[in-house]
Amino acid sequence: REIAIDSFFTGPGRSVMEKGEIIENFIIPIRETKGEFLKLG
């Protein structure tokens, strides 16, 4: 099954994954993107 990332997490340390499920792939539509990643740590 496929789940949108914004529906995957249910809280800190929790997700919709059920017993026996494994993340197989991440599928991302190819389109023009612009952005930056900065880490505060």
PDB file of all heavy atoms in Angstrom:
ATOM      1  N   ARG A   1       0.855  -1.193   0.000  1.00  0.00           N
ATOM      2  CA  ARG A   1       0.000   0.000   0.000  1.00  0.00           C
ATOM      3  C   ARG A   1       0.886   1.237   0.000  1.00  0.00           C
ATOM      4  O   ARG A   1       2.046   1.190   0.413  1.00  0.00           O
ATOM      5  CB  ARG A   1      -0.952   0.011   1.200  1.00  0.00           C
ATOM      6  CG  ARG A   1      -0.279   0.081   2.558  1.00  0.00           C
ATOM      7  CD  ARG A   1      -1.299  -0.003   3.690  1.00  0.00           C
ATOM      8  NE  ARG A   1      -0.646   0.008   4.990  1.00  0.00           N
ATOM      9  CZ  ARG A   1      -0.971   0.799   5.986  1.00  0.00           C
ATOM     10  NH1 ARG A   1      -1.953   1.678   5.846  1.00  0.00           N
ATOM     11  NH2 ARG A   1      -0.348   0.732   7.144  1.00  0.00           N
ATOM     12  N   GLU A   2       0.316   2.334  -0.514  1.00  0.00           N
ATOM     13  CA  GLU A   2       1.035   3.607  -0.539  1.00  0.00           C
ATOM     14  C   GLU A   2       0.332   4.604   0.363  1.00  0.00           C
ATOM     15  O   GLU A   2      -0.898   4.689   0.369  1.00  0.00           O
ATOM     16  CB  GLU A   2       1.115   4.167  -1.960  1.00  0.00           C
ATOM     17  CG  GLU A   2       2.118   3.446  -2.825  1.00  0.00           C
ATOM     18  CD  GLU A   2       2.285   4.082  -4.194  1.00  0.00           C
ATOM     19  OE1 GLU A   2       1.955   5.282  -4.367  1.00  0.00           O
ATOM     20  OE2 GLU A   2       2.745   3.367  -5.094  1.00  0.00           O
ATOM     21  N   ILE A   3       1.132   5.332   1.109  1.00  0.00           N
ATOM     22  CA  ILE A   3       0.641   6.337   2.057  1.00  0.00           C
ATOM     23  C   ILE A   3       1.369   7.648   1.771  1.00  0.00           C
ATOM     24  O   ILE A   3       2.602   7.649   1.651  1.00  0.00           O
ATOM     25  CB  ILE A   3       0.947   5.916   3.521  1.00  0.00           C
ATOM     26  CG1 ILE A   3       0.388   4.548   3.855  1.00  0.00           C
ATOM     27  CG2 ILE A   3       0.496   6.968   4.514  1.00  0.00           C
ATOM     28  CD1 ILE A   3      -1.101   4.492   3.956  1.00  0.00           C
ATOM     29  N   ALA A   4       0.637   8.738   1.667  1.00  0.00           N
ATOM     30  CA  ALA A   4       1.274  10.048   1.539  1.00  0.00           C
ATOM     31  C   ALA A   4       2.028  10.344   2.829  1.00  0.00           C
ATOM     32  O   ALA A   4       1.559  10.005   3.919  1.00  0.00           O
ATOM     33  CB  ALA A   4       0.228  11.129   1.286  1.00  0.00           C
ATOM     34  N   ILE A   5       3.196  10.941   2.701  1.00  0.00           N
ATOM     35  CA  ILE A   5       4.015  11.177   3.890  1.00  0.00           C
ATOM     36  C   ILE A   5       3.271  12.006   4.931  1.00  0.00           C
ATOM     37  O   ILE A   5       3.450  11.799   6.125  1.00  0.00           O
ATOM     38  CB  ILE A   5       5.381  11.802   3.546  1.00  0.00           C
ATOM     39  CG1 ILE A   5       6.296  11.719   4.781  1.00  0.00           C
ATOM     40  CG2 ILE A   5       5.226  13.227   3.027  1.00  0.00           C
ATOM     41  CD1 ILE A   5       7.747  11.826   4.495  1.00  0.00           C
ATOM     42  N   ASP A   6       2.397  12.899   4.502  1.00  0.00           N
ATOM     43  CA  ASP A   6       1.686  13.723   5.492  1.00  0.00           C
ATOM     44  C   ASP A   6       0.596  12.946   6.230  1.00  0.00           C
ATOM     45  O   ASP A   6       0.006  13.443   7.179  1.00  0.00           O
ATOM     46  CB  ASP A   6       1.139  15.002   4.875  1.00  0.00           C
ATOM     47  CG  ASP A   6       0.142  14.771   3.760  1.00  0.00           C
ATOM     48  OD1 ASP A   6      -0.165  13.612   3.441  1.00  0.00           O
ATOM     49  OD2 ASP A   6      -0.336  15.768   3.208  1.00  0.00           O
ATOM     50  N   SER A   7       0.350  11.698   5.838  1.00  0.00           N
ATOM     51  CA  SER A   7      -0.584  10.825   6.555  1.00  0.00           C
ATOM     52  C   SER A   7       0.133   9.686   7.274  1.00  0.00           C
ATOM     53  O   SER A   7      -0.504   8.870   7.946  1.00  0.00           O
ATOM     54  CB  SER A   7      -1.599  10.225   5.584  1.00  0.00           C
ATOM     55  OG  SER A   7      -2.361  11.233   4.968  1.00  0.00           O
ATOM     56  N   PHE A   8       1.441   9.607   7.129  1.00  0.00           N
ATOM     57  CA  PHE A   8       2.220   8.488   7.658  1.00  0.00           C
ATOM     58  C   PHE A   8       2.440   8.581   9.170  1.00  0.00           C
ATOM     59  O   PHE A   8       2.325   7.599   9.882  1.00  0.00           O
ATOM     60  CB  PHE A   8       3.569   8.416   6.931  1.00  0.00           C
ATOM     61  CG  PHE A   8       4.444   7.285   7.365  1.00  0.00           C
ATOM     62  CD1 PHE A   8       4.174   5.985   6.963  1.00  0.00           C
ATOM     63  CD2 PHE A   8       5.552   7.506   8.169  1.00  0.00           C
ATOM     64  CE1 PHE A   8       4.984   4.923   7.361  1.00  0.00           C
ATOM     65  CE2 PHE A   8       6.371   6.465   8.569  1.00  0.00           C
ATOM     66  CZ  PHE A   8       6.082   5.170   8.163  1.00  0.00           C
ATOM     67  N   PHE A   9       2.744   9.753   9.663  1.00  0.00           N
ATOM     68  CA  PHE A   9       3.082   9.927  11.076  1.00  0.00           C
ATOM     69  C   PHE A   9       1.832  10.205  11.896  1.00  0.00           C
ATOM     70  O   PHE A   9       0.992  10.991  11.496  1.00  0.00           O
ATOM     71  CB  PHE A   9       4.090  11.069  11.246  1.00  0.00           C
ATOM     72  CG  PHE A   9       5.334  10.871  10.432  1.00  0.00           C
ATOM     73  CD1 PHE A   9       5.522  11.564   9.250  1.00  0.00           C
ATOM     74  CD2 PHE A   9       6.302   9.973  10.838  1.00  0.00           C
ATOM     75  CE1 PHE A   9       6.660  11.377   8.485  1.00  0.00           C
ATOM     76  CE2 PHE A   9       7.438   9.773  10.076  1.00  0.00           C
ATOM     77  CZ  PHE A   9       7.621  10.473   8.898  1.00  0.00           C
ATOM     78  N   THR A  10       1.740   9.563  13.058  1.00  0.00           N
ATOM     79  CA  THR A  10       0.595   9.787  13.946  1.00  0.00           C
ATOM     80  C   THR A  10       1.019  10.469  15.243  1.00  0.00           C
ATOM     81  O   THR A  10       0.176  10.800  16.062  1.00  0.00           O
ATOM     82  CB  THR A  10      -0.119   8.461  14.272  1.00  0.00           C
ATOM     83  OG1 THR A  10       0.804   7.566  14.892  1.00  0.00           O
ATOM     84  CG2 THR A  10      -0.699   7.830  13.009  1.00  0.00           C
ATOM     85  N   GLY A  11       2.296  10.682  15.425  1.00  0.00           N
ATOM     86  CA  GLY A  11       2.829  11.345  16.611  1.00  0.00           C
ATOM     87  C   GLY A  11       4.308  11.035  16.731  1.00  0.00           C
ATOM     88  O   GLY A  11       4.852  10.260  15.944  1.00  0.00           O
ATOM     89  N   PRO A  12       4.989  11.638  17.703  1.00  0.00           N
ATOM     90  CA  PRO A  12       6.418  11.354  17.878  1.00  0.00           C
ATOM     91  C   PRO A  12       6.653   9.856  18.129  1.00  0.00           C
ATOM     92  O   PRO A  12       6.064   9.265  19.034  1.00  0.00           O
ATOM     93  CB  PRO A  12       6.795  12.179  19.113  1.00  0.00           C
ATOM     94  CG  PRO A  12       5.773  13.262  19.171  1.00  0.00           C
ATOM     95  CD  PRO A  12       4.504  12.643  18.642  1.00  0.00           C
ATOM     96  N   GLY A  13       7.459   9.245  17.283  1.00  0.00           N
ATOM     97  CA  GLY A  13       7.769   7.831  17.411  1.00  0.00           C
ATOM     98  C   GLY A  13       6.661   6.896  16.949  1.00  0.00           C
ATOM     99  O   GLY A  13       6.758   5.687  17.130  1.00  0.00           O
ATOM    100  N   ARG A  14       5.613   7.445  16.333  1.00  0.00           N
ATOM    101  CA  ARG A  14       4.471   6.614  15.918  1.00  0.00           C
ATOM    102  C   ARG A  14       4.109   6.886  14.456  1.00  0.00           C
ATOM    103  O   ARG A  14       4.201   8.016  13.983  1.00  0.00           O
ATOM    104  CB  ARG A  14       3.269   6.896  16.814  1.00  0.00           C
ATOM    105  CG  ARG A  14       3.509   6.509  18.264  1.00  0.00           C
ATOM    106  CD  ARG A  14       2.260   6.587  19.135  1.00  0.00           C
ATOM    107  NE  ARG A  14       1.327   7.650  18.819  1.00  0.00           N
ATOM    108  CZ  ARG A  14       1.273   8.825  19.450  1.00  0.00           C
ATOM    109  NH1 ARG A  14       2.099   9.097  20.418  1.00  0.00           N
ATOM    110  NH2 ARG A  14       0.373   9.722  19.104  1.00  0.00           N
ATOM    111  N   SER A  15       3.645   5.822  13.802  1.00  0.00           N
ATOM    112  CA  SER A  15       3.231   5.948  12.398  1.00  0.00           C
ATOM    113  C   SER A  15       2.082   4.984  12.138  1.00  0.00           C
ATOM    114  O   SER A  15       1.661   4.249  13.021  1.00  0.00           O
ATOM    115  CB  SER A  15       4.405   5.613  11.463  1.00  0.00           C
ATOM    116  OG  SER A  15       4.663   4.216  11.482  1.00  0.00           O
ATOM    117  N   VAL A  16       1.612   4.978  10.905  1.00  0.00           N
ATOM    118  CA  VAL A  16       0.517   4.089  10.514  1.00  0.00           C
ATOM    119  C   VAL A  16       1.001   2.685  10.149  1.00  0.00           C
ATOM    120  O   VAL A  16       0.192   1.838   9.783  1.00  0.00           O
ATOM    121  CB  VAL A  16      -0.302   4.683   9.333  1.00  0.00           C
ATOM    122  CG1 VAL A  16      -0.938   5.996   9.720  1.00  0.00           C
ATOM    123  CG2 VAL A  16       0.569   4.818   8.085  1.00  0.00           C
ATOM    124  N   MET A  17       2.298   2.426  10.277  1.00  0.00           N
ATOM    125  CA  MET A  17       2.819   1.098   9.953  1.00  0.00           C
ATOM    126  C   MET A  17       2.193   0.057  10.872  1.00  0.00           C
ATOM    127  O   MET A  17       2.070   0.271  12.073  1.00  0.00           O
ATOM    128  CB  MET A  17       4.345   1.057  10.088  1.00  0.00           C
ATOM    129  CG  MET A  17       5.064   1.795   8.990  1.00  0.00           C
ATOM    130  SD  MET A  17       6.862   1.741   9.160  1.00  0.00           S
ATOM    131  CE  MET A  17       7.178   0.011   8.860  1.00  0.00           C
ATOM    132  N   GLU A  18       1.791  -1.052  10.266  1.00  0.00           N
ATOM    133  CA  GLU A  18       1.188  -2.145  11.013  1.00  0.00           C
ATOM    134  C   GLU A  18       2.214  -3.247  11.241  1.00  0.00           C
ATOM    135  O   GLU A  18       3.261  -3.293  10.571  1.00  0.00           O
ATOM    136  CB  GLU A  18      -0.018  -2.686  10.236  1.00  0.00           C
ATOM    137  CG  GLU A  18      -1.119  -1.650  10.074  1.00  0.00           C
ATOM    138  CD  GLU A  18      -2.253  -2.101   9.174  1.00  0.00           C
ATOM    139  OE1 GLU A  18      -2.198  -3.239   8.652  1.00  0.00           O
ATOM    140  OE2 GLU A  18      -3.185  -1.312   8.988  1.00  0.00           O
ATOM    141  N   LYS A  19       1.935  -4.126  12.184  1.00  0.00           N
ATOM    142  CA  LYS A  19       2.834  -5.241  12.500  1.00  0.00           C
ATOM    143  C   LYS A  19       3.137  -6.017  11.218  1.00  0.00           C
ATOM    144  O   LYS A  19       2.234  -6.388  10.469  1.00  0.00           O
ATOM    145  CB  LYS A  19       2.155  -6.155  13.534  1.00  0.00           C
ATOM    146  CG  LYS A  19       2.980  -7.343  13.958  1.00  0.00           C
ATOM    147  CD  LYS A  19       4.040  -6.959  14.947  1.00  0.00           C
ATOM    148  CE  LYS A  19       4.728  -8.225  15.483  1.00  0.00           C
ATOM    149  NZ  LYS A  19       6.119  -8.016  15.715  1.00  0.00           N
ATOM    150  N   GLY A  20       4.409  -6.222  10.963  1.00  0.00           N
ATOM    151  CA  GLY A  20       4.823  -6.968   9.786  1.00  0.00           C
ATOM    152  C   GLY A  20       5.081  -6.120   8.558  1.00  0.00           C
ATOM    153  O   GLY A  20       5.539  -6.633   7.551  1.00  0.00           O
ATOM    154  N   GLU A  21       4.809  -4.820   8.621  1.00  0.00           N
ATOM    155  CA  GLU A  21       5.043  -3.966   7.448  1.00  0.00           C
ATOM    156  C   GLU A  21       6.468  -3.400   7.460  1.00  0.00           C
ATOM    157  O   GLU A  21       7.031  -3.123   8.516  1.00  0.00           O
ATOM    158  CB  GLU A  21       4.050  -2.802   7.404  1.00  0.00           C
ATOM    159  CG  GLU A  21       2.684  -3.225   6.943  1.00  0.00           C
ATOM    160  CD  GLU A  21       1.756  -2.052   6.689  1.00  0.00           C
ATOM    161  OE1 GLU A  21       1.750  -1.091   7.495  1.00  0.00           O
ATOM    162  OE2 GLU A  21       1.028  -2.110   5.691  1.00  0.00           O
ATOM    163  N   ILE A  22       6.973  -3.228   6.258  1.00  0.00           N
ATOM    164  CA  ILE A  22       8.302  -2.674   6.038  1.00  0.00           C
ATOM    165  C   ILE A  22       8.164  -1.588   4.976  1.00  0.00           C
ATOM    166  O   ILE A  22       7.441  -1.766   3.996  1.00  0.00           O
ATOM    167  CB  ILE A  22       9.275  -3.760   5.534  1.00  0.00           C
ATOM    168  CG1 ILE A  22       9.477  -4.828   6.619  1.00  0.00           C
ATOM    169  CG2 ILE A  22      10.609  -3.157   5.111  1.00  0.00           C
ATOM    170  CD1 ILE A  22      10.225  -6.054   6.126  1.00  0.00           C
ATOM    171  N   ILE A  23       8.862  -0.477   5.160  1.00  0.00           N
ATOM    172  CA  ILE A  23       8.909   0.526   4.093  1.00  0.00           C
ATOM    173  C   ILE A  23       9.739  -0.057   2.963  1.00  0.00           C
ATOM    174  O   ILE A  23      10.886  -0.463   3.164  1.00  0.00           O
ATOM    175  CB  ILE A  23       9.525   1.855   4.579  1.00  0.00           C
ATOM    176  CG1 ILE A  23       8.666   2.479   5.679  1.00  0.00           C
ATOM    177  CG2 ILE A  23       9.682   2.828   3.396  1.00  0.00           C
ATOM    178  CD1 ILE A  23       9.259   3.744   6.297  1.00  0.00           C
ATOM    179  N   GLU A  24       9.144  -0.128   1.791  1.00  0.00           N
ATOM    180  CA  GLU A  24       9.840  -0.674   0.627  1.00  0.00           C
ATOM    181  C   GLU A  24      10.478   0.430  -0.204  1.00  0.00           C
ATOM    182  O   GLU A  24      11.649   0.353  -0.564  1.00  0.00           O
ATOM    183  CB  GLU A  24       8.873  -1.487  -0.228  1.00  0.00           C
ATOM    184  CG  GLU A  24       9.527  -2.157  -1.409  1.00  0.00           C
ATOM    185  CD  GLU A  24       8.572  -3.062  -2.169  1.00  0.00           C
ATOM    186  OE1 GLU A  24       7.362  -3.105  -1.862  1.00  0.00           O
ATOM    187  OE2 GLU A  24       9.050  -3.745  -3.093  1.00  0.00           O
ATOM    188  N   ASN A  25       9.698   1.457  -0.525  1.00  0.00           N
ATOM    189  CA  ASN A  25      10.176   2.534  -1.391  1.00  0.00           C
ATOM    190  C   ASN A  25       9.582   3.876  -0.984  1.00  0.00           C
ATOM    191  O   ASN A  25       8.532   3.927  -0.336  1.00  0.00           O
ATOM    192  CB  ASN A  25       9.762   2.285  -2.854  1.00  0.00           C
ATOM    193  CG  ASN A  25      10.450   1.110  -3.474  1.00  0.00           C
ATOM    194  OD1 ASN A  25      11.660   1.083  -3.610  1.00  0.00           O
ATOM    195  ND2 ASN A  25       9.673   0.101  -3.840  1.00  0.00           N
ATOM    196  N   PHE A  26      10.241   4.908  -1.438  1.00  0.00           N
ATOM    197  CA  PHE A  26       9.711   6.264  -1.400  1.00  0.00           C
ATOM    198  C   PHE A  26       9.512   6.653  -2.854  1.00  0.00           C
ATOM    199  O   PHE A  26      10.425   6.488  -3.669  1.00  0.00           O
ATOM    200  CB  PHE A  26      10.695   7.222  -0.719  1.00  0.00           C
ATOM    201  CG  PHE A  26      10.925   6.884   0.723  1.00  0.00           C
ATOM    202  CD1 PHE A  26      11.873   5.941   1.089  1.00  0.00           C
ATOM    203  CD2 PHE A  26      10.182   7.491   1.717  1.00  0.00           C
ATOM    204  CE1 PHE A  26      12.073   5.610   2.418  1.00  0.00           C
ATOM    205  CE2 PHE A  26      10.371   7.165   3.040  1.00  0.00           C
ATOM    206  CZ  PHE A  26      11.321   6.223   3.396  1.00  0.00           C
ATOM    207  N   ILE A  27       8.333   7.139  -3.181  1.00  0.00           N
ATOM    208  CA  ILE A  27       8.024   7.487  -4.565  1.00  0.00           C
ATOM    209  C   ILE A  27       7.745   8.985  -4.610  1.00  0.00           C
ATOM    210  O   ILE A  27       6.853   9.487  -3.925  1.00  0.00           O
ATOM    211  CB  ILE A  27       6.822   6.677  -5.078  1.00  0.00           C
ATOM    212  CG1 ILE A  27       7.150   5.172  -4.969  1.00  0.00           C
ATOM    213  CG2 ILE A  27       6.479   7.075  -6.506  1.00  0.00           C
ATOM    214  CD1 ILE A  27       5.979   4.264  -5.157  1.00  0.00           C
ATOM    215  N   ILE A  28       8.542   9.682  -5.413  1.00  0.00           N
ATOM    216  CA  ILE A  28       8.452  11.141  -5.470  1.00  0.00           C
ATOM    217  C   ILE A  28       8.234  11.565  -6.917  1.00  0.00           C
ATOM    218  O   ILE A  28       9.019  11.187  -7.799  1.00  0.00           O
ATOM    219  CB  ILE A  28       9.739  11.797  -4.926  1.00  0.00           C
ATOM    220  CG1 ILE A  28      10.045  11.272  -3.512  1.00  0.00           C
ATOM    221  CG2 ILE A  28       9.610  13.317  -4.926  1.00  0.00           C
ATOM    222  CD1 ILE A  28      11.394  11.724  -2.970  1.00  0.00           C
ATOM    223  N   PRO A  29       7.188  12.354  -7.191  1.00  0.00           N
ATOM    224  CA  PRO A  29       6.963  12.827  -8.561  1.00  0.00           C
ATOM    225  C   PRO A  29       8.094  13.769  -8.994  1.00  0.00           C
ATOM    226  O   PRO A  29       8.516  14.636  -8.221  1.00  0.00           O
ATOM    227  CB  PRO A  29       5.631  13.566  -8.478  1.00  0.00           C
ATOM    228  CG  PRO A  29       5.414  13.859  -7.032  1.00  0.00           C
ATOM    229  CD  PRO A  29       6.195  12.860  -6.251  1.00  0.00           C
ATOM    230  N   ILE A  30       8.563  13.562 -10.208  1.00  0.00           N
ATOM    231  CA  ILE A  30       9.630  14.416 -10.737  1.00  0.00           C
ATOM    232  C   ILE A  30       9.006  15.669 -11.306  1.00  0.00           C
ATOM    233  O   ILE A  30       8.135  15.612 -12.171  1.00  0.00           O
ATOM    234  CB  ILE A  30      10.449  13.678 -11.812  1.00  0.00           C
ATOM    235  CG1 ILE A  30      11.186  12.493 -11.175  1.00  0.00           C
ATOM    236  CG2 ILE A  30      11.436  14.625 -12.486  1.00  0.00           C
ATOM    237  CD1 ILE A  30      11.875  11.590 -12.172  1.00  0.00           C
ATOM    238  N   ARG A  31       9.402  16.773 -10.774  1.00  0.00           N
ATOM    239  CA  ARG A  31       8.960  18.084 -11.257  1.00  0.00           C
ATOM    240  C   ARG A  31      10.012  19.101 -10.830  1.00  0.00           C
ATOM    241  O   ARG A  31      10.862  18.813 -10.000  1.00  0.00           O
ATOM    242  CB  ARG A  31       7.587  18.430 -10.701  1.00  0.00           C
ATOM    243  CG  ARG A  31       7.542  18.483  -9.185  1.00  0.00           C
ATOM    244  CD  ARG A  31       6.107  18.683  -8.689  1.00  0.00           C
ATOM    245  NE  ARG A  31       6.033  18.762  -7.259  1.00  0.00           N
ATOM    246  CZ  ARG A  31       6.062  17.761  -6.409  1.00  0.00           C
ATOM    247  NH1 ARG A  31       6.188  16.537  -6.865  1.00  0.00           N
ATOM    248  NH2 ARG A  31       5.985  17.942  -5.116  1.00  0.00           N
ATOM    249  N   GLU A  32       9.928  20.257 -11.400  1.00  0.00           N
ATOM    250  CA  GLU A  32      10.902  21.282 -11.036  1.00  0.00           C
ATOM    251  C   GLU A  32      10.688  21.687  -9.576  1.00  0.00           C
ATOM    252  O   GLU A  32       9.570  21.996  -9.159  1.00  0.00           O
ATOM    253  CB  GLU A  32      10.762  22.512 -11.934  1.00  0.00           C
ATOM    254  CG  GLU A  32      11.834  23.532 -11.660  1.00  0.00           C
ATOM    255  CD  GLU A  32      11.767  24.712 -12.605  1.00  0.00           C
ATOM    256  OE1 GLU A  32      11.160  24.593 -13.679  1.00  0.00           O
ATOM    257  OE2 GLU A  32      12.334  25.758 -12.246  1.00  0.00           O
ATOM    258  N   THR A  33      11.761  21.648  -8.827  1.00  0.00           N
ATOM    259  CA  THR A  33      11.693  22.061  -7.423  1.00  0.00           C
ATOM    260  C   THR A  33      12.809  23.046  -7.146  1.00  0.00           C
ATOM    261  O   THR A  33      13.864  23.011  -7.774  1.00  0.00           O
ATOM    262  CB  THR A  33      11.843  20.866  -6.460  1.00  0.00           C
ATOM    263  OG1 THR A  33      13.137  20.283  -6.629  1.00  0.00           O
ATOM    264  CG2 THR A  33      10.775  19.816  -6.704  1.00  0.00           C
ATOM    265  N   LYS A  34      12.553  23.899  -6.210  1.00  0.00           N
ATOM    266  CA  LYS A  34      13.582  24.822  -5.715  1.00  0.00           C
ATOM    267  C   LYS A  34      13.470  24.817  -4.212  1.00  0.00           C
ATOM    268  O   LYS A  34      12.377  24.765  -3.662  1.00  0.00           O
ATOM    269  CB  LYS A  34      13.360  26.232  -6.252  1.00  0.00           C
ATOM    270  CG  LYS A  34      13.555  26.328  -7.741  1.00  0.00           C
ATOM    271  CD  LYS A  34      13.400  27.730  -8.227  1.00  0.00           C
ATOM    272  CE  LYS A  34      13.430  27.665  -9.740  1.00  0.00           C
ATOM    273  NZ  LYS A  34      14.145  28.699 -10.357  1.00  0.00           N
ATOM    274  N   GLY A  35      14.577  24.844  -3.568  1.00  0.00           N
ATOM    275  CA  GLY A  35      14.531  24.839  -2.115  1.00  0.00           C
ATOM    276  C   GLY A  35      15.917  24.782  -1.535  1.00  0.00           C
ATOM    277  O   GLY A  35      16.926  24.712  -2.239  1.00  0.00           O
ATOM    278  N   GLU A  36      15.945  24.788  -0.234  1.00  0.00           N
ATOM    279  CA  GLU A  36      17.197  24.727   0.506  1.00  0.00           C
ATOM    280  C   GLU A  36      16.957  23.917   1.766  1.00  0.00           C
ATOM    281  O   GLU A  36      15.839  23.895   2.287  1.00  0.00           O
ATOM    282  CB  GLU A  36      17.666  26.135   0.871  1.00  0.00           C
ATOM    283  CG  GLU A  36      19.007  26.205   1.545  1.00  0.00           C
ATOM    284  CD  GLU A  36      20.142  25.651   0.692  1.00  0.00           C
ATOM    285  OE1 GLU A  36      20.322  26.115  -0.450  1.00  0.00           O
ATOM    286  OE2 GLU A  36      20.824  24.736   1.171  1.00  0.00           O
ATOM    287  N   PHE A  37      17.967  23.240   2.254  1.00  0.00           N
ATOM    288  CA  PHE A  37      17.863  22.527   3.517  1.00  0.00           C
ATOM    289  C   PHE A  37      18.925  23.066   4.448  1.00  0.00           C
ATOM    290  O   PHE A  37      20.117  23.036   4.132  1.00  0.00           O
ATOM    291  CB  PHE A  37      18.054  21.016   3.339  1.00  0.00           C
ATOM    292  CG  PHE A  37      17.884  20.272   4.638  1.00  0.00           C
ATOM    293  CD1 PHE A  37      16.626  19.886   5.052  1.00  0.00           C
ATOM    294  CD2 PHE A  37      18.970  20.010   5.452  1.00  0.00           C
ATOM    295  CE1 PHE A  37      16.444  19.233   6.262  1.00  0.00           C
ATOM    296  CE2 PHE A  37      18.800  19.349   6.659  1.00  0.00           C
ATOM    297  CZ  PHE A  37      17.536  18.963   7.061  1.00  0.00           C
ATOM    298  N   LEU A  38      18.490  23.573   5.567  1.00  0.00           N
ATOM    299  CA  LEU A  38      19.396  24.055   6.603  1.00  0.00           C
ATOM    300  C   LEU A  38      19.035  23.340   7.887  1.00  0.00           C
ATOM    301  O   LEU A  38      17.865  23.204   8.232  1.00  0.00           O
ATOM    302  CB  LEU A  38      19.253  25.573   6.796  1.00  0.00           C
ATOM    303  CG  LEU A  38      19.517  26.422   5.569  1.00  0.00           C
ATOM    304  CD1 LEU A  38      19.145  27.862   5.832  1.00  0.00           C
ATOM    305  CD2 LEU A  38      20.981  26.317   5.151  1.00  0.00           C
ATOM    306  N   LYS A  39      20.060  22.899   8.600  1.00  0.00           N
ATOM    307  CA  LYS A  39      19.824  22.156   9.835  1.00  0.00           C
ATOM    308  C   LYS A  39      20.244  23.005  11.023  1.00  0.00           C
ATOM    309  O   LYS A  39      21.352  23.545  11.059  1.00  0.00           O
ATOM    310  CB  LYS A  39      20.629  20.848   9.820  1.00  0.00           C
ATOM    311  CG  LYS A  39      20.460  20.026  11.077  1.00  0.00           C
ATOM    312  CD  LYS A  39      21.194  18.722  10.945  1.00  0.00           C
ATOM    313  CE  LYS A  39      21.062  17.890  12.198  1.00  0.00           C
ATOM    314  NZ  LYS A  39      21.687  16.570  12.044  1.00  0.00           N
ATOM    315  N   LEU A  40      19.355  23.095  11.979  1.00  0.00           N
ATOM    316  CA  LEU A  40      19.677  23.739  13.233  1.00  0.00           C
ATOM    317  C   LEU A  40      19.947  22.634  14.242  1.00  0.00           C
ATOM    318  O   LEU A  40      19.058  21.856  14.585  1.00  0.00           O
ATOM    319  CB  LEU A  40      18.494  24.608  13.713  1.00  0.00           C
ATOM    320  CG  LEU A  40      18.671  25.280  15.056  1.00  0.00           C
ATOM    321  CD1 LEU A  40      19.840  26.260  15.016  1.00  0.00           C
ATOM    322  CD2 LEU A  40      17.392  26.003  15.456  1.00  0.00           C
ATOM    323  N   GLY A  41      21.196  22.513  14.643  1.00  0.00           N
ATOM    324  CA  GLY A  41      21.545  21.432  15.560  1.00  0.00           C
ATOM    325  C   GLY A  41      22.872  21.685  16.219  1.00  0.00           C
ATOM    326  O   GLY A  41      23.621  22.588  15.832  1.00  0.00           O
TER     327      GLY A  41
END
